[in-house]
Amino acid sequence: MPASRATNRPELSAFLRAMRSRLRPDDVGLPPTDRRRTPGLRRQEVAQLAAVSIDWYIRLEQGRVGIPGAAVLDAVSQALKLSEIERHHLHLIARGEAPPPRHVPAPASESLRTLLHGMPTTPAWIVDFRFDVLAYNAAATSLFGPGFTVGTNTARELFLDPGSRDLQLDWARIAREYVGNLRANLARHPDDPPLQALVDELRRGSRDFAVTWDDQTVEQRTNGTKRILHPVAGMMTLRYDVLAVQDGSDQRLSVITPADAATESALRSLLLPRHGLRAVN
C-alpha cells in the first residue's frame, strides 16, 4: 500500500476510543441513560450520530474497514465533536492523507452591505451556497416581513412552509430551480455536512423535493419572472436576478424589481408602513 494511503490501525483504535470516552450523552443531545460501567458514549450512540451502521463503526474502531471515505470520517468527526486539529489527525491515521479543507462561509463583505443599504426601494439580500441569508436590506424586510432575517434558509422555507404554495403562484418552477441549484452546490461542496444535512432534511420533509432530486435536476438560478400573491399588496409580478459574488465565497446577491407598473406601485406602497410575507422563497 502506498505510504500516502497507509493507516495506523493501533493509533486509530486508541484515538477513537479516547474521543468517545470524553463525551457524555447530554454533550451530543442524547437523553441521559442509566449508570455506565465505562465513561463516555457507547459505540451504538456514535454510530447513530454519524448515521452509519453499528457494525461498520465497530469495525472502524477496530481498524478492520480498509480505507474509509473522507465524507464518512467527517460524519464521525462531527459525531465525536472533534476540533479541526483532531479531525485532521483522524484523517491521517485512518486514510493516510490530510482531509479536504472545510469551507467556512464568509460573512457578507462590508462593500456588499453598503450596496444593499444603498438600494432603499429595491429588495435585495445575500445568501451562501446553502441558501442561508447572510444580509438583507430594509426593502427586503418590507416585502418579506420581519421573519426574514439573517439565518433564514430560503430553500427550507420554500419546501417546508405549508403557506409557500399560496404565496408563490409559480411554485413548481421556482422549486425546480432550487433543487437544481442545491444539486450543483453540493457537487462543489461535497464535504460540507450542513449542506448535506439540509438536502437530507428536505428529502425527508418534502415529497416534491425528493422526486425532483431523484430526477437529477441541475440548474443555476440566475434570473426570471415570478408571481406572488402578497397578503397586503395582492398579486405582484416580479423580476429576480441572482448575481454571483466574484470573491471565492460562493455567495449570491438576489435582487427583486417590479415587472410592470402595477407591481411597481404595489411594491412602493409596502415600503411605508412595512408589511410583508413571513418567509422569502
Protein backbone atom coordinates (compact mmCIF):
# COMPACT_ATOMS: atom_id res chain seq x y z
CA MET A 1 0.00 0.00 0.00
CA PRO A 2 1.46 3.45 -0.88
CA ALA A 3 2.61 5.48 2.09
CA SER A 4 0.13 8.26 1.29
CA ARG A 5 -2.72 5.80 1.81
CA ALA A 6 -1.39 3.82 4.78
CA THR A 7 -3.36 3.63 8.00
CA ASN A 8 -2.19 3.43 11.60
CA ARG A 9 -4.68 0.93 12.95
CA PRO A 10 -3.50 0.77 16.59
CA GLU A 11 -3.45 4.56 16.76
CA LEU A 12 -6.88 4.77 15.08
CA SER A 13 -8.42 2.38 17.60
CA ALA A 14 -6.89 4.16 20.59
CA PHE A 15 -7.83 7.60 19.28
CA LEU A 16 -11.49 6.78 18.58
CA ARG A 17 -11.91 5.14 21.98
CA ALA A 18 -10.37 8.15 23.71
CA MET A 19 -12.55 10.63 21.81
CA ARG A 20 -15.65 8.56 22.56
CA SER A 21 -14.83 8.27 26.27
CA ARG A 22 -14.64 12.02 26.83
CA LEU A 23 -18.24 12.69 25.77
CA ARG A 24 -21.46 12.26 27.72
CA PRO A 25 -24.88 11.74 26.14
CA ASP A 26 -26.01 15.25 27.01
CA ASP A 27 -22.91 16.67 25.27
CA VAL A 28 -24.31 15.47 21.95
CA GLY A 29 -28.03 15.96 22.54
CA LEU A 30 -28.85 12.40 23.59
CA PRO A 31 -31.08 11.70 26.60
CA PRO A 32 -29.28 10.55 29.76
CA THR A 33 -29.32 6.83 30.41
CA ASP A 34 -28.63 4.55 33.32
CA ARG A 35 -25.26 4.50 35.05
CA ARG A 36 -22.49 3.29 32.76
CA ARG A 37 -19.73 0.88 33.60
CA THR A 38 -17.30 2.89 31.49
CA PRO A 39 -17.28 6.65 30.82
CA GLY A 40 -18.28 8.18 27.53
CA LEU A 41 -20.56 7.37 24.66
CA ARG A 42 -21.37 3.85 23.60
CA ARG A 43 -20.36 2.69 20.14
CA GLN A 44 -24.03 2.43 19.19
CA GLU A 45 -24.50 6.10 20.05
CA VAL A 46 -21.57 7.25 17.95
CA ALA A 47 -22.87 5.17 15.04
CA GLN A 48 -26.32 6.72 15.44
CA LEU A 49 -24.92 10.26 15.49
CA ALA A 50 -22.73 9.61 12.45
CA ALA A 51 -25.57 7.88 10.54
CA VAL A 52 -23.53 4.69 9.98
CA SER A 53 -24.26 1.11 10.95
CA ILE A 54 -23.10 -0.08 14.36
CA ASP A 55 -21.29 -2.99 12.71
CA TRP A 56 -19.33 -0.61 10.45
CA TYR A 57 -18.40 1.66 13.35
CA ILE A 58 -17.20 -1.27 15.46
CA ARG A 59 -15.01 -2.43 12.58
CA LEU A 60 -13.72 1.13 12.10
CA GLU A 61 -12.77 1.36 15.76
CA GLN A 62 -11.06 -1.99 15.47
CA GLY A 63 -9.23 -0.96 12.31
CA ARG A 64 -10.96 -3.50 10.07
CA VAL A 65 -12.62 -1.39 7.35
CA GLY A 66 -9.80 -0.75 4.90
CA ILE A 67 -9.59 2.88 3.76
CA PRO A 68 -12.74 4.71 4.89
CA GLY A 69 -14.12 7.55 2.79
CA ALA A 70 -13.42 11.19 3.65
CA ALA A 71 -17.11 12.07 3.97
CA VAL A 72 -17.88 9.27 6.43
CA LEU A 73 -14.84 10.20 8.51
CA ASP A 74 -16.16 13.75 8.66
CA ALA A 75 -19.50 12.37 9.87
CA VAL A 76 -17.66 10.53 12.65
CA SER A 77 -15.67 13.70 13.40
CA GLN A 78 -18.86 15.65 13.76
CA ALA A 79 -20.43 12.95 15.96
CA LEU A 80 -17.41 12.99 18.27
CA LYS A 81 -17.22 16.81 18.25
CA LEU A 82 -13.63 16.80 17.08
CA SER A 83 -11.70 20.03 16.72
CA GLU A 84 -10.19 20.85 13.33
CA ILE A 85 -6.79 19.57 14.52
CA GLU A 86 -8.39 16.34 15.78
CA ARG A 87 -10.31 15.93 12.50
CA HIS A 88 -7.05 16.34 10.59
CA HIS A 89 -5.39 13.71 12.80
CA LEU A 90 -8.26 11.26 12.31
CA HIS A 91 -7.95 11.50 8.53
CA LEU A 92 -4.20 10.97 8.69
CA ILE A 93 -4.38 7.82 10.82
CA ALA A 94 -7.48 6.40 9.08
CA ARG A 95 -6.72 7.31 5.45
CA GLY A 96 -3.03 8.21 5.38
CA GLU A 97 -3.76 11.66 3.96
CA ALA A 98 -4.97 15.06 5.08
CA PRO A 99 -8.73 15.76 4.88
CA PRO A 100 -10.18 18.04 2.24
CA PRO A 101 -10.42 21.60 3.54
CA ARG A 102 -13.72 22.62 5.07
CA HIS A 103 -15.47 25.55 3.51
CA VAL A 104 -16.14 28.19 6.15
CA PRO A 105 -18.76 30.60 4.76
CA ALA A 106 -17.54 34.15 4.98
CA PRO A 107 -19.87 36.91 6.12
CA ALA A 108 -21.13 39.33 3.52
CA SER A 109 -18.47 41.92 2.86
CA GLU A 110 -18.79 45.49 4.07
CA SER A 111 -18.93 46.75 0.49
CA LEU A 112 -21.86 44.43 -0.32
CA ARG A 113 -23.69 45.53 2.82
CA THR A 114 -23.19 49.14 1.76
CA LEU A 115 -24.56 48.25 -1.67
CA LEU A 116 -27.63 46.61 -0.14
CA HIS A 117 -28.46 49.57 2.05
CA GLY A 118 -27.86 51.93 -0.86
CA MET A 119 -30.90 50.44 -2.63
CA PRO A 120 -33.71 51.56 -0.27
CA THR A 121 -36.53 50.84 -2.73
CA THR A 122 -35.13 47.59 -4.21
CA PRO A 123 -35.49 44.38 -2.17
CA ALA A 124 -32.09 42.68 -2.11
CA TRP A 125 -30.31 40.08 0.02
CA ILE A 126 -27.24 37.85 0.03
CA VAL A 127 -27.24 34.07 0.52
CA ASP A 128 -24.48 31.49 0.74
CA PHE A 129 -24.38 28.18 -1.14
CA ARG A 130 -26.72 26.63 1.46
CA PHE A 131 -29.33 29.39 0.82
CA ASP A 132 -28.80 30.83 4.30
CA VAL A 133 -29.45 34.58 4.34
CA LEU A 134 -26.27 36.49 5.27
CA ALA A 135 -27.51 40.08 4.83
CA TYR A 136 -30.55 41.96 3.54
CA ASN A 137 -31.84 45.50 3.20
CA ALA A 138 -34.89 47.29 4.55
CA ALA A 139 -36.80 46.88 1.29
CA ALA A 140 -36.49 43.09 1.60
CA THR A 141 -37.98 43.31 5.09
CA SER A 142 -40.84 45.39 3.70
CA LEU A 143 -41.58 42.75 1.09
CA PHE A 144 -40.96 39.58 3.08
CA GLY A 145 -41.80 40.68 6.61
CA PRO A 146 -39.93 40.67 9.95
CA GLY A 147 -39.50 36.88 9.85
CA PHE A 148 -36.99 37.33 7.03
CA THR A 149 -33.68 37.75 8.79
CA VAL A 150 -30.08 36.60 8.89
CA GLY A 151 -30.07 32.81 9.18
CA THR A 152 -33.34 32.29 7.30
CA ASN A 153 -32.88 29.40 4.89
CA THR A 154 -34.89 30.20 1.79
CA ALA A 155 -34.90 26.60 0.50
CA ARG A 156 -36.27 25.30 3.78
CA GLU A 157 -38.98 27.97 3.75
CA LEU A 158 -39.96 27.15 0.18
CA PHE A 159 -40.31 23.39 0.66
CA LEU A 160 -41.33 23.02 4.30
CA ASP A 161 -43.53 26.07 4.93
CA PRO A 162 -47.13 24.99 4.11
CA GLY A 163 -48.02 28.55 3.09
CA SER A 164 -45.33 28.89 0.44
CA ARG A 165 -47.53 27.46 -2.32
CA ASP A 166 -50.22 30.06 -1.60
CA LEU A 167 -47.68 32.85 -1.86
CA GLN A 168 -45.67 31.52 -4.81
CA LEU A 169 -48.01 31.29 -7.79
CA ASP A 170 -45.20 29.73 -9.84
CA TRP A 171 -44.17 27.40 -7.05
CA ALA A 172 -43.36 24.32 -9.17
CA ARG A 173 -40.96 26.17 -11.44
CA ILE A 174 -39.24 28.04 -8.62
CA ALA A 175 -38.98 24.82 -6.61
CA ARG A 176 -37.30 23.02 -9.50
CA GLU A 177 -34.78 25.85 -9.79
CA TYR A 178 -33.95 25.50 -6.10
CA VAL A 179 -33.45 21.75 -6.36
CA GLY A 180 -31.19 22.19 -9.37
CA ASN A 181 -29.15 24.81 -7.57
CA LEU A 182 -28.76 22.69 -4.45
CA ARG A 183 -27.51 19.75 -6.52
CA ALA A 184 -24.97 21.97 -8.27
CA ASN A 185 -23.90 23.45 -4.92
CA LEU A 186 -23.49 20.01 -3.36
CA ALA A 187 -21.22 18.97 -6.23
CA ARG A 188 -18.99 21.97 -5.43
CA HIS A 189 -19.10 21.34 -1.67
CA PRO A 190 -19.46 17.55 -1.27
CA ASP A 191 -17.81 17.53 2.16
CA ASP A 192 -19.98 20.24 3.74
CA PRO A 193 -22.04 18.48 6.46
CA PRO A 194 -24.62 21.29 6.93
CA LEU A 195 -25.40 21.33 3.20
CA GLN A 196 -25.76 17.55 3.09
CA ALA A 197 -27.94 17.70 6.22
CA LEU A 198 -30.18 20.31 4.54
CA VAL A 199 -30.62 18.13 1.46
CA ASP A 200 -31.44 15.12 3.66
CA GLU A 201 -33.95 17.18 5.66
CA LEU A 202 -35.69 18.40 2.52
CA ARG A 203 -35.82 14.91 1.03
CA ARG A 204 -37.48 13.62 4.19
CA GLY A 205 -39.83 16.56 4.62
CA SER A 206 -40.95 17.25 1.05
CA ARG A 207 -42.06 14.63 -1.44
CA ASP A 208 -41.80 17.20 -4.24
CA PHE A 209 -38.19 17.88 -3.34
CA ALA A 210 -37.38 14.16 -3.19
CA VAL A 211 -38.98 13.43 -6.58
CA THR A 212 -37.21 16.33 -8.30
CA TRP A 213 -33.91 15.49 -6.60
CA ASP A 214 -34.14 11.92 -7.87
CA ASP A 215 -34.65 13.30 -11.40
CA GLN A 216 -31.02 14.51 -11.27
CA THR A 217 -32.10 18.10 -11.93
CA VAL A 218 -29.15 20.51 -12.18
CA GLU A 219 -29.64 24.24 -12.73
CA GLN A 220 -28.11 27.58 -11.93
CA ARG A 221 -30.76 30.08 -10.92
CA THR A 222 -29.78 33.40 -12.48
CA ASN A 223 -32.85 35.41 -13.50
CA GLY A 224 -36.52 35.18 -14.34
CA THR A 225 -40.01 36.39 -13.54
CA LYS A 226 -42.34 35.09 -10.86
CA ARG A 227 -45.75 35.94 -9.46
CA ILE A 228 -46.52 36.16 -5.76
CA LEU A 229 -49.84 36.68 -4.02
CA HIS A 230 -48.93 39.15 -1.31
CA PRO A 231 -51.29 39.27 1.71
CA VAL A 232 -51.32 43.09 1.64
CA ALA A 233 -50.41 44.19 -1.89
CA GLY A 234 -52.18 41.41 -3.78
CA MET A 235 -50.82 39.76 -6.91
CA MET A 236 -47.40 41.05 -7.93
CA THR A 237 -45.25 40.13 -10.91
CA LEU A 238 -41.60 40.43 -10.00
CA ARG A 239 -38.33 40.06 -11.84
CA TYR A 240 -35.46 38.42 -9.99
CA ASP A 241 -31.77 38.48 -10.76
CA VAL A 242 -29.23 36.32 -8.93
CA LEU A 243 -25.66 37.54 -9.25
CA ALA A 244 -22.58 35.57 -8.22
CA VAL A 245 -20.20 37.36 -5.86
CA GLN A 246 -16.78 37.03 -7.52
CA ASP A 247 -14.60 36.76 -4.41
CA GLY A 248 -14.39 32.99 -3.93
CA SER A 249 -17.02 32.95 -1.18
CA ASP A 250 -19.70 31.23 -3.32
CA GLN A 251 -22.29 33.80 -2.26
CA ARG A 252 -25.17 35.16 -4.33
CA LEU A 253 -26.78 38.60 -4.42
CA SER A 254 -30.53 38.40 -5.14
CA VAL A 255 -32.38 41.48 -6.36
CA ILE A 256 -36.13 41.93 -6.90
CA THR A 257 -37.56 44.52 -9.31
CA PRO A 258 -41.15 45.09 -10.50
CA ALA A 259 -42.12 43.62 -13.88
CA ASP A 260 -44.95 46.07 -14.57
CA ALA A 261 -46.34 49.42 -13.47
CA ALA A 262 -48.99 47.90 -11.19
CA THR A 263 -46.37 45.90 -9.32
CA GLU A 264 -44.10 48.92 -9.09
CA SER A 265 -46.91 50.85 -7.41
CA ALA A 266 -47.76 47.96 -5.09
CA LEU A 267 -44.13 47.46 -4.13
CA ARG A 268 -43.74 51.14 -3.34
CA SER A 269 -46.84 51.02 -1.13
CA LEU A 270 -45.22 48.32 1.01
CA LEU A 271 -42.24 50.40 1.98
CA LEU A 272 -44.31 52.56 4.35
CA PRO A 273 -45.66 51.10 6.50
CA ARG A 274 -43.71 47.86 6.43
CA HIS A 275 -45.80 44.79 5.73
CA GLY A 276 -44.77 41.55 4.13
CA LEU A 277 -44.56 37.83 3.80
CA ARG A 278 -43.45 35.58 6.62
CA ALA A 279 -40.79 33.98 4.52
CA VAL A 280 -38.87 34.53 1.31
CA ASN A 281 -38.86 31.95 -1.44
